[in-house]
């Protein structure tokens, strides 16, 4: 599965979550770093996946694909 659009359409908060994902941080670590709840991190993550066109699949890891999109900028 390939991301259909780049991270430029993400909000600043979503870009911050994605940047922390790219550092290998867990949702719990992202939440602690950003002073938000894990539920908020999950909501931001789902929004990131949706905006990048990354549908849930048994064959692909959306988190990894989102990070790759972030790194390709």
N, C-alpha and C. Protein backbone atom coordinates (compact mmCIF):
# COMPACT_ATOMS: atom_id res chain seq x y z
N UNK A 1 0.85 -1.17 0.00
CA UNK A 1 0.00 0.00 0.00
C UNK A 1 0.90 1.24 0.00
N UNK A 2 0.59 2.21 -0.77
CA UNK A 2 1.37 3.42 -0.92
C UNK A 2 0.56 4.62 -0.42
N UNK A 3 1.18 5.52 0.29
CA UNK A 3 0.49 6.72 0.74
C UNK A 3 0.10 7.55 -0.49
N UNK A 4 -1.12 8.06 -0.51
CA UNK A 4 -1.60 8.78 -1.68
C UNK A 4 -1.28 10.26 -1.65
N UNK A 5 -0.94 10.79 -0.51
CA UNK A 5 -0.60 12.20 -0.44
C UNK A 5 0.38 12.42 0.70
N UNK A 6 1.05 13.54 0.66
CA UNK A 6 2.12 13.79 1.61
C UNK A 6 1.66 14.38 2.92
N UNK A 7 2.59 14.46 3.85
CA UNK A 7 2.29 14.97 5.18
C UNK A 7 2.02 16.48 5.24
N UNK A 8 2.16 17.18 4.13
CA UNK A 8 1.95 18.63 4.14
C UNK A 8 0.53 19.01 4.56
N UNK A 9 -0.43 18.13 4.34
CA UNK A 9 -1.83 18.43 4.68
C UNK A 9 -2.14 18.19 6.16
N UNK A 10 -1.18 17.68 6.92
CA UNK A 10 -1.40 17.40 8.33
C UNK A 10 -1.34 18.69 9.15
N UNK A 11 -2.07 18.68 10.27
CA UNK A 11 -2.02 19.82 11.19
C UNK A 11 -0.65 19.81 11.89
N UNK A 12 -0.26 20.93 12.48
CA UNK A 12 1.01 20.95 13.23
C UNK A 12 1.06 19.88 14.32
N UNK A 13 -0.04 19.64 14.99
CA UNK A 13 -0.09 18.64 16.06
C UNK A 13 0.09 17.24 15.49
N UNK A 14 -0.55 16.98 14.35
CA UNK A 14 -0.40 15.67 13.70
C UNK A 14 1.04 15.47 13.22
N UNK A 15 1.65 16.53 12.71
CA UNK A 15 3.06 16.43 12.28
C UNK A 15 3.97 16.15 13.47
N UNK A 16 3.63 16.72 14.63
CA UNK A 16 4.42 16.47 15.84
C UNK A 16 4.30 15.00 16.26
N UNK A 17 3.07 14.47 16.23
CA UNK A 17 2.85 13.05 16.55
C UNK A 17 3.62 12.18 15.57
N UNK A 18 3.54 12.50 14.28
CA UNK A 18 4.22 11.71 13.26
C UNK A 18 5.74 11.77 13.43
N UNK A 19 6.26 12.94 13.79
CA UNK A 19 7.70 13.06 14.02
C UNK A 19 8.14 12.17 15.19
N UNK A 20 7.34 12.14 16.26
CA UNK A 20 7.66 11.28 17.40
C UNK A 20 7.52 9.80 17.04
N UNK A 21 6.56 9.47 16.18
CA UNK A 21 6.44 8.09 15.68
C UNK A 21 7.72 7.71 14.95
N UNK A 22 8.24 8.65 14.16
CA UNK A 22 9.44 8.36 13.37
C UNK A 22 10.67 8.16 14.24
N UNK A 23 10.60 8.62 15.49
CA UNK A 23 11.68 8.37 16.45
C UNK A 23 11.51 7.00 17.12
N UNK A 24 10.45 6.29 16.76
CA UNK A 24 10.20 4.97 17.32
C UNK A 24 9.44 4.99 18.64
N UNK A 25 8.83 6.12 18.97
CA UNK A 25 8.12 6.25 20.25
C UNK A 25 6.77 5.52 20.22
N UNK A 26 6.40 4.95 21.34
CA UNK A 26 5.09 4.32 21.49
C UNK A 26 4.04 5.40 21.73
N UNK A 27 2.76 5.00 21.64
CA UNK A 27 1.70 5.97 21.94
C UNK A 27 1.82 6.51 23.35
N UNK A 28 2.18 5.65 24.30
CA UNK A 28 2.34 6.09 25.69
C UNK A 28 3.47 7.12 25.80
N UNK A 29 4.57 6.87 25.13
CA UNK A 29 5.71 7.80 25.18
C UNK A 29 5.37 9.12 24.48
N UNK A 30 4.64 9.03 23.38
CA UNK A 30 4.22 10.25 22.67
C UNK A 30 3.30 11.07 23.57
N UNK A 31 2.36 10.40 24.21
CA UNK A 31 1.42 11.09 25.11
C UNK A 31 2.16 11.79 26.24
N UNK A 32 3.11 11.11 26.83
CA UNK A 32 3.87 11.71 27.94
C UNK A 32 4.68 12.90 27.45
N UNK A 33 5.29 12.77 26.31
CA UNK A 33 6.13 13.84 25.76
C UNK A 33 5.32 15.08 25.40
N UNK A 34 4.09 14.86 24.89
CA UNK A 34 3.25 15.96 24.44
C UNK A 34 2.26 16.44 25.51
N UNK A 35 2.26 15.78 26.67
CA UNK A 35 1.34 16.13 27.77
C UNK A 35 -0.11 16.02 27.34
N UNK A 36 -0.42 14.91 26.60
CA UNK A 36 -1.78 14.61 26.19
C UNK A 36 -2.07 13.16 26.56
N UNK A 37 -3.32 12.73 26.39
CA UNK A 37 -3.68 11.35 26.72
C UNK A 37 -3.31 10.41 25.56
N UNK A 38 -3.20 9.12 25.89
CA UNK A 38 -2.96 8.13 24.84
C UNK A 38 -4.13 8.09 23.86
N UNK A 39 -5.34 8.35 24.36
CA UNK A 39 -6.51 8.39 23.49
C UNK A 39 -6.35 9.51 22.45
N UNK A 40 -5.82 10.65 22.87
CA UNK A 40 -5.58 11.75 21.93
C UNK A 40 -4.54 11.37 20.89
N UNK A 41 -3.49 10.68 21.32
CA UNK A 41 -2.47 10.21 20.37
C UNK A 41 -3.10 9.28 19.35
N UNK A 42 -3.95 8.38 19.82
CA UNK A 42 -4.63 7.45 18.93
C UNK A 42 -5.51 8.19 17.92
N UNK A 43 -6.22 9.21 18.38
CA UNK A 43 -7.07 10.01 17.48
C UNK A 43 -6.21 10.73 16.44
N UNK A 44 -5.09 11.31 16.87
CA UNK A 44 -4.19 11.98 15.93
C UNK A 44 -3.63 10.97 14.93
N UNK A 45 -3.25 9.79 15.41
CA UNK A 45 -2.70 8.75 14.54
C UNK A 45 -3.72 8.34 13.49
N UNK A 46 -4.95 8.11 13.90
CA UNK A 46 -5.99 7.72 12.96
C UNK A 46 -6.25 8.81 11.92
N UNK A 47 -6.19 10.06 12.35
CA UNK A 47 -6.36 11.17 11.42
C UNK A 47 -5.20 11.21 10.42
N UNK A 48 -3.99 10.96 10.91
CA UNK A 48 -2.81 10.90 10.04
C UNK A 48 -3.00 9.81 8.99
N UNK A 49 -3.39 8.62 9.44
CA UNK A 49 -3.58 7.50 8.52
C UNK A 49 -4.62 7.84 7.46
N UNK A 50 -5.72 8.46 7.89
CA UNK A 50 -6.78 8.81 6.96
C UNK A 50 -6.30 9.85 5.95
N UNK A 51 -5.63 10.89 6.41
CA UNK A 51 -5.17 11.95 5.51
C UNK A 51 -4.10 11.46 4.54
N UNK A 52 -3.33 10.46 4.95
CA UNK A 52 -2.30 9.90 4.07
C UNK A 52 -2.84 8.77 3.19
N UNK A 53 -4.13 8.46 3.34
CA UNK A 53 -4.74 7.42 2.53
C UNK A 53 -4.28 6.03 2.88
N UNK A 54 -3.97 5.81 4.14
CA UNK A 54 -3.46 4.51 4.60
C UNK A 54 -4.60 3.75 5.28
N UNK A 55 -5.21 2.87 4.52
CA UNK A 55 -6.32 2.06 5.04
C UNK A 55 -5.79 0.90 5.85
N UNK A 56 -6.58 0.46 6.81
CA UNK A 56 -6.20 -0.68 7.64
C UNK A 56 -6.11 -1.93 6.78
N UNK A 57 -5.02 -2.68 6.97
CA UNK A 57 -4.78 -3.87 6.16
C UNK A 57 -4.02 -4.88 7.00
N UNK A 58 -4.31 -6.15 6.77
CA UNK A 58 -3.58 -7.20 7.46
C UNK A 58 -2.18 -7.39 6.92
N UNK A 59 -1.91 -6.82 5.76
CA UNK A 59 -0.62 -6.99 5.10
C UNK A 59 0.35 -5.85 5.34
N UNK A 60 -0.14 -4.68 5.73
CA UNK A 60 0.70 -3.50 5.88
C UNK A 60 0.61 -2.93 7.28
N UNK A 61 1.68 -2.29 7.71
CA UNK A 61 1.70 -1.60 8.99
C UNK A 61 1.56 -0.10 8.71
N UNK A 62 0.38 0.45 9.01
CA UNK A 62 0.12 1.85 8.69
C UNK A 62 1.08 2.80 9.40
N UNK A 63 1.49 2.46 10.59
CA UNK A 63 2.41 3.31 11.34
C UNK A 63 3.75 3.43 10.59
N UNK A 64 4.25 2.32 10.11
CA UNK A 64 5.52 2.33 9.36
C UNK A 64 5.34 3.10 8.06
N UNK A 65 4.23 2.87 7.36
CA UNK A 65 3.98 3.58 6.10
C UNK A 65 3.85 5.08 6.31
N UNK A 66 3.24 5.49 7.42
CA UNK A 66 3.12 6.91 7.73
C UNK A 66 4.50 7.51 7.99
N UNK A 67 5.34 6.80 8.73
CA UNK A 67 6.69 7.27 9.00
C UNK A 67 7.48 7.39 7.71
N UNK A 68 7.34 6.42 6.81
CA UNK A 68 8.03 6.50 5.53
C UNK A 68 7.58 7.71 4.73
N UNK A 69 6.29 8.01 4.75
CA UNK A 69 5.77 9.20 4.07
C UNK A 69 6.38 10.45 4.69
N UNK A 70 6.50 10.46 6.01
CA UNK A 70 7.10 11.60 6.73
C UNK A 70 8.56 11.79 6.31
N UNK A 71 9.29 10.71 6.23
CA UNK A 71 10.71 10.78 5.88
C UNK A 71 10.92 11.19 4.42
N UNK A 72 9.98 10.82 3.55
CA UNK A 72 10.07 11.20 2.14
C UNK A 72 9.65 12.63 1.93
N UNK A 73 8.92 13.18 2.93
CA UNK A 73 8.52 14.56 2.97
C UNK A 73 7.78 15.08 1.83
